[in-house]
Amino acid sequence: MLPGKGNFEVIEGPRSGNQRIWCEAAKFAAGPLRAAGNTRMYILHPNGKAKTQANAFGTGFTINPTQDILDQASRPGDGGNYSVSVKRVGYNLSVSHARGFCTVNVLY
């Protein structure tokens, strides 16, 4: 967990891709945080050196964004970009959208 209500970090595992990171974020948000499917998860800190685990990479998320995060918010399709990012503060997906990545049949 990261400091602040609704803030958490997903630690990158071996061969984790962006979709897998979002999937794990959605599972955590829906599980321990009890977030509804339409709750938006925002990137709090981009993928990089983890803040909660030594010698690891992670991405910070929040379901309780500050105004600063909302001011930077973007979604898939903004500006014609449909890639799923873990590198832009404020980038966001709904819990339901991200959970859809959990069933994608790709190797991680």
Protein backbone atom coordinates (compact mmCIF):
# COMPACT_ATOMS: atom_id res chain seq x y z
CA MET A 1 0.00 0.00 0.00
CA LEU A 2 1.02 3.57 -0.61
CA PRO A 3 0.23 6.42 1.77
CA GLY A 4 -3.20 7.97 1.22
CA LYS A 5 -6.72 6.65 0.97
CA GLY A 6 -7.24 4.46 -2.10
CA ASN A 7 -3.57 4.49 -3.13
CA PHE A 8 -1.69 1.29 -3.94
CA GLU A 9 1.20 -0.06 -5.99
CA VAL A 10 1.39 -2.99 -8.37
CA ILE A 11 4.82 -4.61 -8.37
CA GLU A 12 5.97 -5.70 -11.80
CA GLY A 13 6.58 -9.43 -12.12
CA PRO A 14 8.74 -11.23 -14.66
CA ARG A 15 7.63 -10.42 -18.20
CA SER A 16 4.77 -8.24 -16.98
CA GLY A 17 3.22 -6.09 -19.66
CA ASN A 18 1.00 -3.06 -19.35
CA GLN A 19 -2.19 -5.11 -19.60
CA ARG A 20 -1.06 -7.43 -16.81
CA ILE A 21 -0.22 -4.48 -14.55
CA TRP A 22 -3.70 -3.00 -15.13
CA CYS A 23 -5.29 -6.42 -14.53
CA GLU A 24 -3.56 -6.73 -11.16
CA ALA A 25 -4.55 -3.16 -10.27
CA ALA A 26 -8.19 -3.97 -11.03
CA LYS A 27 -8.10 -7.15 -8.95
CA PHE A 28 -6.74 -5.20 -5.98
CA ALA A 29 -9.19 -2.32 -6.42
CA ALA A 30 -12.17 -4.67 -6.66
CA GLY A 31 -10.93 -6.94 -3.87
CA PRO A 32 -9.47 -5.27 -0.77
CA LEU A 33 -10.61 -1.75 -1.76
CA ARG A 34 -14.13 -2.92 -2.75
CA ALA A 35 -14.25 -0.57 -5.73
CA ALA A 36 -17.20 -0.87 -8.10
CA GLY A 37 -16.66 -1.76 -11.75
CA ASN A 38 -17.24 1.81 -12.90
CA THR A 39 -14.64 3.22 -10.46
CA ARG A 40 -11.74 4.77 -12.32
CA MET A 41 -8.16 3.89 -11.39
CA TYR A 42 -5.60 6.61 -12.05
CA ILE A 43 -1.84 6.31 -12.36
CA LEU A 44 -0.36 8.01 -9.32
CA HIS A 45 3.26 7.37 -10.21
CA PRO A 46 4.45 5.92 -13.52
CA ASN A 47 6.10 2.54 -13.87
CA GLY A 48 9.58 2.76 -12.43
CA LYS A 49 11.45 2.10 -9.21
CA ALA A 50 8.96 0.68 -6.71
CA LYS A 51 8.13 2.70 -3.62
CA THR A 52 6.93 -0.24 -1.52
CA GLN A 53 9.50 -2.93 -2.32
CA ALA A 54 13.27 -2.76 -2.66
CA ASN A 55 14.93 -3.79 -5.92
CA ALA A 56 11.64 -3.92 -7.82
CA PHE A 57 9.67 -1.97 -10.38
CA GLY A 58 6.11 -0.86 -9.77
CA THR A 59 3.29 1.41 -10.84
CA GLY A 60 1.30 3.47 -8.34
CA PHE A 61 -2.48 3.74 -8.66
CA THR A 62 -5.27 5.56 -6.88
CA ILE A 63 -9.03 5.33 -6.86
CA ASN A 64 -9.18 8.59 -4.90
CA PRO A 65 -7.38 11.09 -7.15
CA THR A 66 -6.30 14.53 -6.03
CA GLN A 67 -7.12 17.55 -8.18
CA ASP A 68 -3.53 17.48 -9.46
CA ILE A 69 -4.03 13.92 -10.77
CA LEU A 70 -7.41 14.85 -12.30
CA ASP A 71 -5.80 17.84 -14.05
CA GLN A 72 -3.42 15.40 -15.79
CA ALA A 73 -6.07 12.77 -16.49
CA SER A 74 -6.29 11.10 -19.89
CA ARG A 75 -8.09 8.01 -21.17
CA PRO A 76 -7.67 5.59 -24.04
CA GLY A 77 -8.55 7.39 -27.24
CA ASP A 78 -7.52 10.86 -26.11
CA GLY A 79 -5.51 12.38 -28.94
CA GLY A 80 -6.08 9.26 -31.06
CA ASN A 81 -3.91 7.09 -28.82
CA TYR A 82 -5.43 3.74 -27.86
CA SER A 83 -2.43 2.10 -26.23
CA VAL A 84 -2.68 1.15 -22.56
CA SER A 85 -0.14 3.22 -20.65
CA VAL A 86 1.61 2.75 -17.32
CA LYS A 87 3.85 5.75 -17.90
CA ARG A 88 1.57 8.80 -17.68
CA VAL A 89 0.40 10.29 -14.40
CA GLY A 90 -3.37 10.63 -14.52
CA TYR A 91 -3.93 8.00 -17.21
CA ASN A 92 -6.98 6.05 -16.12
CA LEU A 93 -9.19 3.08 -16.81
CA SER A 94 -12.29 1.77 -15.11
CA VAL A 95 -11.95 -1.29 -12.90
CA SER A 96 -14.19 -3.22 -15.36
CA HIS A 97 -12.09 -2.25 -18.37
CA ALA A 98 -8.86 -3.28 -16.66
CA ARG A 99 -10.36 -6.56 -15.39
CA GLY A 100 -10.96 -7.47 -19.02
CA PHE A 101 -7.20 -7.73 -19.41
CA CYS A 102 -7.15 -10.56 -16.87
CA THR A 103 -8.73 -12.90 -19.41
CA VAL A 104 -6.57 -11.93 -22.36
CA ASN A 105 -4.76 -15.05 -23.51
CA VAL A 106 -1.21 -13.76 -23.78
CA LEU A 107 2.01 -14.93 -22.23
CA TYR A 108 3.35 -12.70 -19.48
